[in-house]
Amino acid sequence: MLDAPQTRPPPPSPPPLEPEELSAELRQARDPDLARRRAAVALSLGAAGTMALIALYQSGLIRHLPEPPLPHLDADAVDASAQAFGKLAVGDGFLGLGSYAATATLAAMGPADRAERMPLVPLALAVKALADAAQAGKLSWDQWAKHRAFCTWCLLAAGATFATLPLTLPEARRAWQTVRELGWGEALRRTVRGLA
């Protein structure tokens, strides 16, 4: 008679960092993942800044979006279009502002070793960055296809978005390896414990 295969229990999860430890680590630690995460935060906040400017225009707080006087640039027309107001009865600058804030939050969340401690967060960031890049590509294409013009601020946000995606991949690969080793249930438990 064959013995049933034995499964090893997952290694114990490291205890969560105290808030003071997390604060010091996120602000002061030198780590390749943290360097990439900081860059992703900076790019996402930069993109959010462009969305804030667009939101000012879309809400009537400013009357014109400044742009270089170059051919095929017309942020006013692009950001006042029906497409820009086609979702949730609000200008898309507001939606972009919220979206980029969420991306920055995912990049900033958790300790340096979060790929092991809370592996679903780096995976969520990579998925979010991929969705952001796909949306930025579609909207950039739509600007030319529908308006025969581009919005400088939208292109800056799109560039920041495209630059963010590859920054998320090394940590996401390690997080995926952790999920494969632990299983989804244990990965979820660790992630929730790390967020508590």
N, C-alpha and C. Protein backbone atom coordinates (compact mmCIF):
# COMPACT_ATOMS: atom_id res chain seq x y z
N MET A 1 0.83 -1.17 0.00
CA MET A 1 0.00 0.00 0.00
C MET A 1 0.89 1.25 0.00
N LEU A 2 0.53 2.20 -0.84
CA LEU A 2 1.30 3.43 -0.93
C LEU A 2 0.83 4.43 0.11
N ASP A 3 1.78 5.11 0.68
CA ASP A 3 1.42 6.16 1.62
C ASP A 3 0.94 7.37 0.83
N ALA A 4 0.00 8.08 1.41
CA ALA A 4 -0.49 9.31 0.79
C ALA A 4 0.64 10.34 0.81
N PRO A 5 0.74 11.13 -0.25
CA PRO A 5 1.80 12.15 -0.26
C PRO A 5 1.58 13.14 0.88
N GLN A 6 2.67 13.51 1.48
CA GLN A 6 2.59 14.46 2.58
C GLN A 6 2.84 15.87 2.04
N THR A 7 2.03 16.76 2.50
CA THR A 7 2.23 18.15 2.12
C THR A 7 2.88 18.87 3.28
N ARG A 8 3.83 19.68 2.93
CA ARG A 8 4.52 20.46 3.96
C ARG A 8 3.72 21.71 4.26
N PRO A 9 3.64 22.06 5.52
CA PRO A 9 2.97 23.32 5.81
C PRO A 9 3.82 24.48 5.31
N PRO A 10 3.17 25.58 4.97
CA PRO A 10 3.95 26.73 4.48
C PRO A 10 4.84 27.27 5.59
N PRO A 11 5.96 27.86 5.21
CA PRO A 11 6.82 28.45 6.24
C PRO A 11 6.05 29.54 6.97
N PRO A 12 6.39 29.74 8.24
CA PRO A 12 5.64 30.76 8.99
C PRO A 12 5.85 32.14 8.39
N SER A 13 4.79 32.91 8.46
CA SER A 13 4.85 34.28 7.96
C SER A 13 5.62 35.14 8.95
N PRO A 14 6.52 36.00 8.46
CA PRO A 14 7.21 36.89 9.39
C PRO A 14 6.21 37.84 10.03
N PRO A 15 6.48 38.26 11.25
CA PRO A 15 5.53 39.17 11.89
C PRO A 15 5.48 40.51 11.16
N PRO A 16 4.32 41.16 11.17
CA PRO A 16 4.24 42.47 10.52
C PRO A 16 5.17 43.47 11.19
N LEU A 17 5.65 44.41 10.41
CA LEU A 17 6.48 45.46 10.97
C LEU A 17 5.62 46.41 11.81
N GLU A 18 6.21 46.93 12.85
CA GLU A 18 5.54 47.98 13.61
C GLU A 18 5.49 49.23 12.72
N PRO A 19 4.50 50.10 12.92
CA PRO A 19 4.39 51.30 12.08
C PRO A 19 5.67 52.13 12.04
N GLU A 20 6.37 52.24 13.16
CA GLU A 20 7.61 53.02 13.18
C GLU A 20 8.68 52.36 12.31
N GLU A 21 8.74 51.02 12.36
CA GLU A 21 9.71 50.29 11.53
C GLU A 21 9.37 50.46 10.05
N LEU A 22 8.08 50.34 9.73
CA LEU A 22 7.65 50.49 8.34
C LEU A 22 7.98 51.89 7.83
N SER A 23 7.70 52.90 8.64
CA SER A 23 7.99 54.28 8.26
C SER A 23 9.47 54.46 7.95
N ALA A 24 10.31 53.99 8.84
CA ALA A 24 11.75 54.14 8.63
C ALA A 24 12.22 53.37 7.40
N GLU A 25 11.72 52.15 7.23
CA GLU A 25 12.14 51.34 6.09
C GLU A 25 11.73 51.99 4.78
N LEU A 26 10.48 52.43 4.68
CA LEU A 26 10.01 53.00 3.42
C LEU A 26 10.73 54.31 3.08
N ARG A 27 11.09 55.06 4.07
CA ARG A 27 11.73 56.35 3.81
C ARG A 27 13.24 56.26 3.65
N GLN A 28 13.89 55.28 4.32
CA GLN A 28 15.34 55.31 4.40
C GLN A 28 16.05 54.11 3.80
N ALA A 29 15.38 53.00 3.66
CA ALA A 29 16.06 51.78 3.20
C ALA A 29 16.52 51.92 1.76
N ARG A 30 17.65 51.30 1.47
CA ARG A 30 18.19 51.23 0.11
C ARG A 30 17.96 49.81 -0.38
N ASP A 31 17.07 49.68 -1.32
CA ASP A 31 16.67 48.36 -1.81
C ASP A 31 16.23 48.53 -3.26
N PRO A 32 16.60 47.62 -4.16
CA PRO A 32 16.21 47.77 -5.57
C PRO A 32 14.69 47.82 -5.77
N ASP A 33 13.96 46.98 -5.03
CA ASP A 33 12.49 47.02 -5.16
C ASP A 33 11.94 48.35 -4.69
N LEU A 34 12.44 48.83 -3.56
CA LEU A 34 11.96 50.13 -3.07
C LEU A 34 12.32 51.25 -4.03
N ALA A 35 13.48 51.18 -4.65
CA ALA A 35 13.85 52.21 -5.63
C ALA A 35 12.87 52.21 -6.80
N ARG A 36 12.51 51.03 -7.28
CA ARG A 36 11.53 50.95 -8.38
C ARG A 36 10.16 51.41 -7.91
N ARG A 37 9.78 51.03 -6.70
CA ARG A 37 8.48 51.46 -6.17
C ARG A 37 8.44 52.98 -6.01
N ARG A 38 9.52 53.57 -5.51
CA ARG A 38 9.56 55.04 -5.38
C ARG A 38 9.42 55.70 -6.75
N ALA A 39 10.07 55.14 -7.75
CA ALA A 39 9.94 55.69 -9.10
C ALA A 39 8.50 55.56 -9.60
N ALA A 40 7.85 54.43 -9.31
CA ALA A 40 6.46 54.24 -9.71
C ALA A 40 5.55 55.24 -9.00
N VAL A 41 5.82 55.51 -7.72
CA VAL A 41 5.04 56.52 -6.99
C VAL A 41 5.23 57.88 -7.65
N ALA A 42 6.48 58.25 -7.93
CA ALA A 42 6.75 59.56 -8.53
C ALA A 42 6.07 59.70 -9.90
N LEU A 43 6.16 58.67 -10.73
CA LEU A 43 5.53 58.72 -12.04
C LEU A 43 4.01 58.81 -11.93
N SER A 44 3.43 58.04 -11.01
CA SER A 44 1.98 58.06 -10.83
C SER A 44 1.50 59.40 -10.30
N LEU A 45 2.25 59.98 -9.37
CA LEU A 45 1.87 61.29 -8.85
C LEU A 45 2.05 62.37 -9.92
N GLY A 46 3.07 62.23 -10.75
CA GLY A 46 3.23 63.16 -11.87
C GLY A 46 2.05 63.08 -12.83
N ALA A 47 1.65 61.85 -13.16
CA ALA A 47 0.48 61.67 -14.03
C ALA A 47 -0.78 62.22 -13.36
N ALA A 48 -0.91 62.00 -12.05
CA ALA A 48 -2.05 62.55 -11.32
C ALA A 48 -2.05 64.08 -11.39
N GLY A 49 -0.88 64.68 -11.34
CA GLY A 49 -0.79 66.14 -11.45
C GLY A 49 -1.33 66.64 -12.79
N THR A 50 -1.02 65.94 -13.86
CA THR A 50 -1.55 66.35 -15.17
C THR A 50 -3.06 66.18 -15.20
N MET A 51 -3.55 65.12 -14.55
CA MET A 51 -5.00 64.91 -14.50
C MET A 51 -5.67 66.00 -13.66
N ALA A 52 -5.00 66.47 -12.61
CA ALA A 52 -5.55 67.55 -11.79
C ALA A 52 -5.70 68.82 -12.62
N LEU A 53 -4.70 69.12 -13.45
CA LEU A 53 -4.79 70.29 -14.32
C LEU A 53 -5.95 70.15 -15.29
N ILE A 54 -6.10 68.97 -15.88
CA ILE A 54 -7.22 68.72 -16.80
C ILE A 54 -8.54 68.85 -16.06
N ALA A 55 -8.61 68.34 -14.82
CA ALA A 55 -9.84 68.43 -14.03
C ALA A 55 -10.19 69.90 -13.74
N LEU A 56 -9.18 70.74 -13.52
CA LEU A 56 -9.45 72.17 -13.33
C LEU A 56 -10.14 72.75 -14.57
N TYR A 57 -9.65 72.37 -15.74
CA TYR A 57 -10.26 72.84 -16.99
C TYR A 57 -11.66 72.26 -17.16
N GLN A 58 -11.81 70.97 -16.92
CA GLN A 58 -13.10 70.31 -17.14
C GLN A 58 -14.18 70.79 -16.17
N SER A 59 -13.78 71.32 -15.04
CA SER A 59 -14.76 71.83 -14.08
C SER A 59 -14.98 73.34 -14.22
N GLY A 60 -14.29 73.99 -15.14
CA GLY A 60 -14.47 75.41 -15.38
C GLY A 60 -13.67 76.32 -14.47
N LEU A 61 -12.75 75.75 -13.70
CA LEU A 61 -11.93 76.59 -12.82
C LEU A 61 -10.85 77.34 -13.58
N ILE A 62 -10.42 76.79 -14.71
CA ILE A 62 -9.55 77.53 -15.63
C ILE A 62 -10.19 77.44 -17.02
N ARG A 63 -9.95 78.40 -17.85
CA ARG A 63 -10.62 78.48 -19.16
C ARG A 63 -9.82 77.88 -20.31
N HIS A 64 -8.55 77.60 -20.05
CA HIS A 64 -7.68 77.13 -21.15
C HIS A 64 -6.56 76.28 -20.56
N LEU A 65 -6.22 75.20 -21.26
CA LEU A 65 -5.08 74.37 -20.88
C LEU A 65 -3.86 74.84 -21.66
N PRO A 66 -2.84 75.33 -20.98
CA PRO A 66 -1.66 75.81 -21.70
C PRO A 66 -0.93 74.66 -22.39
N GLU A 67 -0.46 74.95 -23.59
CA GLU A 67 0.30 73.96 -24.37
C GLU A 67 1.32 74.69 -25.23
N PRO A 68 2.36 73.98 -25.63
CA PRO A 68 3.29 74.59 -26.60
C PRO A 68 2.56 74.85 -27.92
N PRO A 69 2.89 75.91 -28.62
CA PRO A 69 2.22 76.22 -29.89
C PRO A 69 2.75 75.34 -31.03
N LEU A 70 2.43 74.09 -30.97
CA LEU A 70 2.88 73.13 -31.98
C LEU A 70 1.68 72.57 -32.73
N PRO A 71 1.90 72.15 -33.97
CA PRO A 71 0.78 71.56 -34.73
C PRO A 71 0.27 70.29 -34.05
N HIS A 72 -0.99 70.04 -34.21
CA HIS A 72 -1.67 68.83 -33.74
C HIS A 72 -1.81 68.76 -32.22
N LEU A 73 -1.61 69.87 -31.52
CA LEU A 73 -1.85 69.91 -30.09
C LEU A 73 -3.07 70.78 -29.83
N ASP A 74 -4.07 70.19 -29.17
CA ASP A 74 -5.28 70.95 -28.84
C ASP A 74 -5.94 70.31 -27.62
N ALA A 75 -5.33 70.53 -26.47
CA ALA A 75 -5.85 69.93 -25.23
C ALA A 75 -7.27 70.41 -24.94
N ASP A 76 -7.57 71.68 -25.25
CA ASP A 76 -8.91 72.19 -24.98
C ASP A 76 -9.97 71.37 -25.71
N ALA A 77 -9.75 71.10 -26.98
CA ALA A 77 -10.74 70.34 -27.75
C ALA A 77 -10.83 68.89 -27.27
N VAL A 78 -9.69 68.26 -27.03
CA VAL A 78 -9.68 66.86 -26.59
C VAL A 78 -10.36 66.71 -25.24
N ASP A 79 -10.03 67.60 -24.30
CA ASP A 79 -10.52 67.44 -22.93
C ASP A 79 -11.91 68.02 -22.69
N ALA A 80 -12.47 68.69 -23.71
CA ALA A 80 -13.85 69.16 -23.63
C ALA A 80 -14.78 68.30 -24.48
N SER A 81 -14.26 67.25 -25.10
CA SER A 81 -15.03 66.43 -26.03
C SER A 81 -16.07 65.58 -25.31
N ALA A 82 -17.01 65.07 -26.10
CA ALA A 82 -18.02 64.17 -25.54
C ALA A 82 -17.37 62.93 -24.93
N GLN A 83 -16.31 62.42 -25.57
CA GLN A 83 -15.63 61.25 -25.03
C GLN A 83 -15.05 61.52 -23.64
N ALA A 84 -14.55 62.73 -23.42
CA ALA A 84 -13.94 63.07 -22.13
C ALA A 84 -14.98 63.13 -21.01
N PHE A 85 -16.25 63.28 -21.37
CA PHE A 85 -17.32 63.36 -20.37
C PHE A 85 -18.28 62.17 -20.48
N GLY A 86 -17.86 61.11 -21.14
CA GLY A 86 -18.74 59.99 -21.43
C GLY A 86 -18.90 58.96 -20.33
N LYS A 87 -18.17 59.06 -19.23
CA LYS A 87 -18.25 58.06 -18.15
C LYS A 87 -18.59 58.75 -16.83
N LEU A 88 -19.58 58.24 -16.16
CA LEU A 88 -19.94 58.64 -14.80
C LEU A 88 -20.30 60.12 -14.67
N ALA A 89 -20.69 60.74 -15.76
CA ALA A 89 -21.17 62.13 -15.75
C ALA A 89 -20.15 63.09 -15.15
N VAL A 90 -18.87 62.87 -15.45
CA VAL A 90 -17.81 63.72 -14.94
C VAL A 90 -16.67 63.72 -15.96
N GLY A 91 -15.89 64.78 -15.95
CA GLY A 91 -14.74 64.82 -16.85
C GLY A 91 -13.74 63.73 -16.51
N ASP A 92 -13.10 63.18 -17.53
CA ASP A 92 -12.20 62.05 -17.31
C ASP A 92 -10.93 62.43 -16.55
N GLY A 93 -10.64 63.71 -16.42
CA GLY A 93 -9.51 64.12 -15.59
C GLY A 93 -9.70 63.70 -14.14
N PHE A 94 -10.94 63.79 -13.66
CA PHE A 94 -11.24 63.36 -12.29
C PHE A 94 -11.05 61.86 -12.13
N LEU A 95 -11.48 61.10 -13.13
CA LEU A 95 -11.33 59.64 -13.07
C LEU A 95 -9.85 59.26 -13.13
N GLY A 96 -9.10 59.95 -13.98
CA GLY A 96 -7.66 59.68 -14.06
C GLY A 96 -6.95 60.03 -12.77
N LEU A 97 -7.35 61.12 -12.14
CA LEU A 97 -6.75 61.53 -10.87
C LEU A 97 -6.93 60.44 -9.82
N GLY A 98 -8.14 59.89 -9.72
CA GLY A 98 -8.39 58.80 -8.77
C GLY A 98 -7.62 57.54 -9.12
N SER A 99 -7.56 57.23 -10.40
CA SER A 99 -6.87 56.03 -10.84
C SER A 99 -5.37 56.10 -10.54
N TYR A 100 -4.75 57.23 -10.84
CA TYR A 100 -3.31 57.35 -10.58
C TYR A 100 -3.01 57.41 -9.09
N ALA A 101 -3.94 57.96 -8.31
CA ALA A 101 -3.76 57.93 -6.85
C ALA A 101 -3.78 56.48 -6.35
N ALA A 102 -4.65 55.66 -6.92
CA ALA A 102 -4.70 54.24 -6.53
C ALA A 102 -3.41 53.53 -6.91
N THR A 103 -2.88 53.81 -8.09
CA THR A 103 -1.63 53.19 -8.51
C THR A 103 -0.49 53.60 -7.58
N ALA A 104 -0.40 54.88 -7.26
CA ALA A 104 0.64 55.35 -6.34
C ALA A 104 0.51 54.70 -4.98
N THR A 105 -0.72 54.53 -4.51
CA THR A 105 -0.94 53.90 -3.21
C THR A 105 -0.48 52.45 -3.21
N LEU A 106 -0.81 51.71 -4.27
CA LEU A 106 -0.34 50.33 -4.36
C LEU A 106 1.18 50.26 -4.40
N ALA A 107 1.82 51.20 -5.08
CA ALA A 107 3.28 51.20 -5.15
C ALA A 107 3.90 51.51 -3.79
N ALA A 108 3.26 52.36 -3.02
CA ALA A 108 3.81 52.78 -1.72
C ALA A 108 3.50 51.80 -0.59
N MET A 109 2.57 50.92 -0.78
CA MET A 109 2.03 50.07 0.28
C MET A 109 2.97 48.93 0.66
N GLY A 110 3.26 48.79 1.94
CA GLY A 110 3.95 47.61 2.45
C GLY A 110 5.45 47.75 2.55
N PRO A 111 6.06 46.80 3.25
CA PRO A 111 7.51 46.85 3.48
C PRO A 111 8.31 46.46 2.25
N ALA A 112 9.61 46.57 2.37
CA ALA A 112 10.51 46.26 1.24
C ALA A 112 10.35 44.82 0.77
N ASP A 113 10.11 43.90 1.70
CA ASP A 113 10.00 42.48 1.33
C ASP A 113 8.55 42.05 1.15
N ARG A 114 7.71 42.93 0.65
CA ARG A 114 6.29 42.62 0.53
C ARG A 114 6.01 41.51 -0.47
N ALA A 115 6.92 41.23 -1.39
CA ALA A 115 6.71 40.11 -2.32
C ALA A 115 6.61 38.80 -1.56
N GLU A 116 7.24 38.73 -0.39
CA GLU A 116 7.15 37.53 0.45
C GLU A 116 6.11 37.71 1.56
N ARG A 117 6.05 38.89 2.15
CA ARG A 117 5.15 39.14 3.29
C ARG A 117 3.69 39.32 2.88
N MET A 118 3.46 39.99 1.78
CA MET A 118 2.11 40.30 1.32
C MET A 118 2.08 40.24 -0.21
N PRO A 119 2.22 39.04 -0.77
CA PRO A 119 2.49 38.90 -2.20
C PRO A 119 1.38 39.37 -3.13
N LEU A 120 0.16 39.47 -2.65
CA LEU A 120 -0.90 39.89 -3.55
C LEU A 120 -0.84 41.39 -3.86
N VAL A 121 -0.16 42.17 -3.03
CA VAL A 121 -0.05 43.61 -3.30
C VAL A 121 0.83 43.88 -4.53
N PRO A 122 2.04 43.31 -4.64
CA PRO A 122 2.80 43.54 -5.87
C PRO A 122 2.11 43.01 -7.13
N LEU A 123 1.37 41.91 -6.98
CA LEU A 123 0.63 41.40 -8.14
C LEU A 123 -0.48 42.36 -8.52
N ALA A 124 -1.18 42.91 -7.52
CA ALA A 124 -2.23 43.89 -7.80
C ALA A 124 -1.64 45.13 -8.48
N LEU A 125 -0.47 45.56 -8.02
CA LEU A 125 0.17 46.73 -8.65
C LEU A 125 0.51 46.44 -10.11
N ALA A 126 1.06 45.28 -10.40
CA ALA A 126 1.42 44.95 -11.78
C ALA A 126 0.18 44.89 -12.67
N VAL A 127 -0.89 44.29 -12.18
CA VAL A 127 -2.14 44.23 -12.95
C VAL A 127 -2.68 45.64 -13.17
N LYS A 128 -2.66 46.46 -12.13
CA LYS A 128 -3.15 47.84 -12.24
C LYS A 128 -2.30 48.63 -13.23
N ALA A 129 -0.99 48.49 -13.17
CA ALA A 129 -0.11 49.19 -14.10
C ALA A 129 -0.34 48.74 -15.54
N LEU A 130 -0.60 47.46 -15.74
CA LEU A 130 -0.91 46.95 -17.08
C LEU A 130 -2.23 47.54 -17.58
N ALA A 131 -3.24 47.56 -16.71
CA ALA A 131 -4.53 48.14 -17.11
C ALA A 131 -4.37 49.63 -17.40
N ASP A 132 -3.60 50.33 -16.58
CA ASP A 132 -3.34 51.76 -16.82
C ASP A 132 -2.68 51.96 -18.18
N ALA A 133 -1.67 51.15 -18.49
CA ALA A 133 -0.95 51.29 -19.76
C ALA A 133 -1.87 51.01 -20.94
N ALA A 134 -2.72 50.00 -20.83
CA ALA A 134 -3.66 49.69 -21.91
C ALA A 134 -4.63 50.85 -22.12
N GLN A 135 -5.14 51.41 -21.03
CA GLN A 135 -6.06 52.54 -21.12
C GLN A 135 -5.36 53.77 -21.70
N ALA A 136 -4.14 54.04 -21.26
CA ALA A 136 -3.39 55.19 -21.78
C ALA A 136 -3.13 55.03 -23.28
N GLY A 137 -2.80 53.82 -23.71
CA GLY A 137 -2.59 53.57 -25.14
C GLY A 137 -3.86 53.79 -25.94
N LYS A 138 -4.98 53.28 -25.43
CA LYS A 138 -6.26 53.45 -26.13
C LYS A 138 -6.64 54.92 -26.23
N LEU A 139 -6.51 55.64 -25.12
CA LEU A 139 -6.90 57.06 -25.14
C LEU A 139 -5.98 57.88 -26.03
N SER A 140 -4.70 57.55 -26.06
CA SER A 140 -3.78 58.26 -26.94
C SER A 140 -4.15 58.01 -28.41
N TRP A 141 -4.47 56.78 -28.73
CA TRP A 141 -4.90 56.45 -30.09
C TRP A 141 -6.19 57.19 -30.43
N ASP A 142 -7.15 57.17 -29.50
CA ASP A 142 -8.43 57.83 -29.74
C ASP A 142 -8.28 59.32 -29.98
N GLN A 143 -7.32 59.96 -29.33
CA GLN A 143 -7.15 61.40 -29.52
C GLN A 143 -6.91 61.71 -31.00
N TRP A 144 -6.03 60.96 -31.60
CA TRP A 144 -5.75 61.22 -33.02
C TRP A 144 -6.88 60.73 -33.90
N ALA A 145 -7.38 59.54 -33.63
CA ALA A 145 -8.42 58.95 -34.48
C ALA A 145 -9.71 59.78 -34.46
N LYS A 146 -10.07 60.33 -33.32
CA LYS A 146 -11.35 61.04 -33.19
C LYS A 146 -11.22 62.55 -33.31
N HIS A 147 -10.08 63.11 -32.94
CA HIS A 147 -9.96 64.56 -32.88
C HIS A 147 -8.89 65.11 -33.81
N ARG A 148 -8.06 64.26 -34.36
CA ARG A 148 -6.92 64.69 -35.18
C ARG A 148 -6.06 65.69 -34.42
N ALA A 149 -5.98 65.48 -33.10
CA ALA A 149 -5.19 66.36 -32.23
C ALA A 149 -4.84 65.58 -30.97
N PHE A 150 -3.81 66.06 -30.28
CA PHE A 150 -3.39 65.45 -29.03
C PHE A 150 -3.46 66.47 -27.90
N CYS A 151 -3.60 65.97 -26.71
CA CYS A 151 -3.52 66.77 -25.49
C CYS A 151 -2.14 66.54 -24.89
N THR A 152 -1.35 67.61 -24.79
CA THR A 152 0.01 67.50 -24.25
C THR A 152 0.01 66.84 -22.87
N TRP A 153 -0.92 67.26 -22.02
CA TRP A 153 -0.97 66.77 -20.64
C TRP A 153 -1.31 65.29 -20.60
N CYS A 154 -2.20 64.88 -21.51
CA CYS A 154 -2.56 63.46 -21.60
C CYS A 154 -1.37 62.62 -22.07
N LEU A 155 -0.60 63.17 -23.01
CA LEU A 155 0.57 62.44 -23.50
C LEU A 155 1.64 62.33 -22.41
N LEU A 156 1.80 63.37 -21.61
CA LEU A 156 2.74 63.29 -20.48
C LEU A 156 2.30 62.20 -19.50
N ALA A 157 0.99 62.16 -19.19
CA ALA A 157 0.48 61.12 -18.29
C ALA A 157 0.67 59.73 -18.90
N ALA A 158 0.43 59.62 -20.21
CA ALA A 158 0.60 58.32 -20.87
C ALA A 158 2.06 57.88 -20.81
N GLY A 159 2.98 58.79 -21.05
CA GLY A 159 4.40 58.45 -20.96
C GLY A 159 4.78 57.96 -19.58
N ALA A 160 4.29 58.65 -18.54
CA ALA A 160 4.56 58.23 -17.17
C ALA A 160 3.95 56.85 -16.90
N THR A 161 2.78 56.63 -17.46
CA THR A 161 2.10 55.34 -17.28
C THR A 161 2.89 54.21 -17.93
N PHE A 162 3.34 54.42 -19.15
CA PHE A 162 4.12 53.39 -19.84
C PHE A 162 5.43 53.11 -19.11
N ALA A 163 6.03 54.13 -18.53
CA ALA A 163 7.28 53.95 -17.79
C ALA A 163 7.07 53.22 -16.47
N THR A 164 5.88 53.30 -15.92
CA THR A 164 5.59 52.65 -14.63
C THR A 164 5.52 51.13 -14.77
N LEU A 165 4.92 50.65 -15.83
CA LEU A 165 4.68 49.21 -15.97
C LEU A 165 5.93 48.36 -15.79
N PRO A 166 7.03 48.60 -16.50
CA PRO A 166 8.20 47.72 -16.31
C PRO A 166 8.80 47.80 -14.91
N LEU A 167 8.56 48.89 -14.21
CA LEU A 167 9.07 49.00 -12.83
C LEU A 167 8.41 48.01 -11.89
N THR A 168 7.20 47.58 -12.22
CA THR A 168 6.44 46.68 -11.35
C THR A 168 6.78 45.21 -11.55
N LEU A 169 7.41 44.87 -12.66
CA LEU A 169 7.53 43.45 -13.04
C LEU A 169 8.51 42.63 -12.21
N PRO A 170 9.70 43.12 -11.85
CA PRO A 170 10.61 42.27 -11.06
C PRO A 170 10.00 41.82 -9.73
N GLU A 171 9.38 42.75 -9.03
CA GLU A 171 8.76 42.40 -7.75
C GLU A 171 7.55 41.50 -7.96
N ALA A 172 6.78 41.73 -9.01
CA ALA A 172 5.62 40.89 -9.30
C ALA A 172 6.04 39.45 -9.60
N ARG A 173 7.17 39.27 -10.28
CA ARG A 173 7.66 37.91 -10.55
C ARG A 173 7.96 37.17 -9.26
N ARG A 174 8.63 37.86 -8.33
CA ARG A 174 8.94 37.23 -7.05
C ARG A 174 7.67 36.96 -6.24
N ALA A 175 6.72 37.87 -6.30
CA ALA A 175 5.45 37.67 -5.60
C ALA A 175 4.71 36.47 -6.18
N TRP A 176 4.75 36.32 -7.50
CA TRP A 176 4.10 35.17 -8.14
C TRP A 176 4.76 33.87 -7.68
N GLN A 177 6.07 33.88 -7.56
CA GLN A 177 6.78 32.70 -7.06
C GLN A 177 6.34 32.39 -5.63
N THR A 178 6.17 33.41 -4.81
CA THR A 178 5.70 33.20 -3.44
C THR A 178 4.31 32.59 -3.44
N VAL A 179 3.42 33.09 -4.29
CA VAL A 179 2.06 32.55 -4.37
C VAL A 179 2.11 31.09 -4.81
N ARG A 180 2.96 30.77 -5.77
CA ARG A 180 3.07 29.38 -6.23
C ARG A 180 3.56 28.46 -5.12
N GLU A 181 4.49 28.96 -4.31
CA GLU A 181 5.01 28.15 -3.20
C GLU A 181 4.01 28.00 -2.06
N LEU A 182 3.29 29.06 -1.75
CA LEU A 182 2.39 29.06 -0.60
C LEU A 182 0.98 28.60 -0.94
N GLY A 183 0.54 28.83 -2.15
CA GLY A 183 -0.86 28.64 -2.52
C GLY A 183 -1.61 29.94 -2.30
N TRP A 184 -2.75 30.05 -3.00
CA TRP A 184 -3.51 31.30 -2.96
C TRP A 184 -4.05 31.61 -1.57
N GLY A 185 -4.51 30.59 -0.86
CA GLY A 185 -5.08 30.82 0.47
C GLY A 185 -4.08 31.42 1.43
N GLU A 186 -2.90 30.82 1.51
CA GLU A 186 -1.87 31.33 2.42
C GLU A 186 -1.36 32.69 1.95
N ALA A 187 -1.26 32.89 0.64
CA ALA A 187 -0.83 34.20 0.13
C ALA A 187 -1.84 35.28 0.52
N LEU A 188 -3.12 34.95 0.44
CA LEU A 188 -4.15 35.89 0.85
C LEU A 188 -4.07 36.18 2.35
N ARG A 189 -3.90 35.13 3.15
CA ARG A 189 -3.78 35.32 4.61
C ARG A 189 -2.60 36.23 4.94
N ARG A 190 -1.47 35.99 4.30
CA ARG A 190 -0.29 36.82 4.57
C ARG A 190 -0.53 38.27 4.16
N THR A 191 -1.15 38.45 3.01
CA THR A 191 -1.41 39.80 2.53
C THR A 191 -2.35 40.54 3.48
N VAL A 192 -3.42 39.89 3.88
CA VAL A 192 -4.38 40.52 4.80
C VAL A 192 -3.70 40.83 6.12
N ARG A 193 -2.90 39.89 6.61
CA ARG A 193 -2.18 40.11 7.88
C ARG A 193 -1.24 41.32 7.75
N GLY A 194 -0.57 41.44 6.62
CA GLY A 194 0.34 42.56 6.41
C GLY A 194 -0.38 43.90 6.31
N LEU A 195 -1.64 43.88 5.87
CA LEU A 195 -2.41 45.12 5.73
C LEU A 195 -3.09 45.52 7.03
N ALA A 196 -3.17 44.59 7.96
CA ALA A 196 -3.89 44.87 9.22
C ALA A 196 -3.16 45.85 10.10
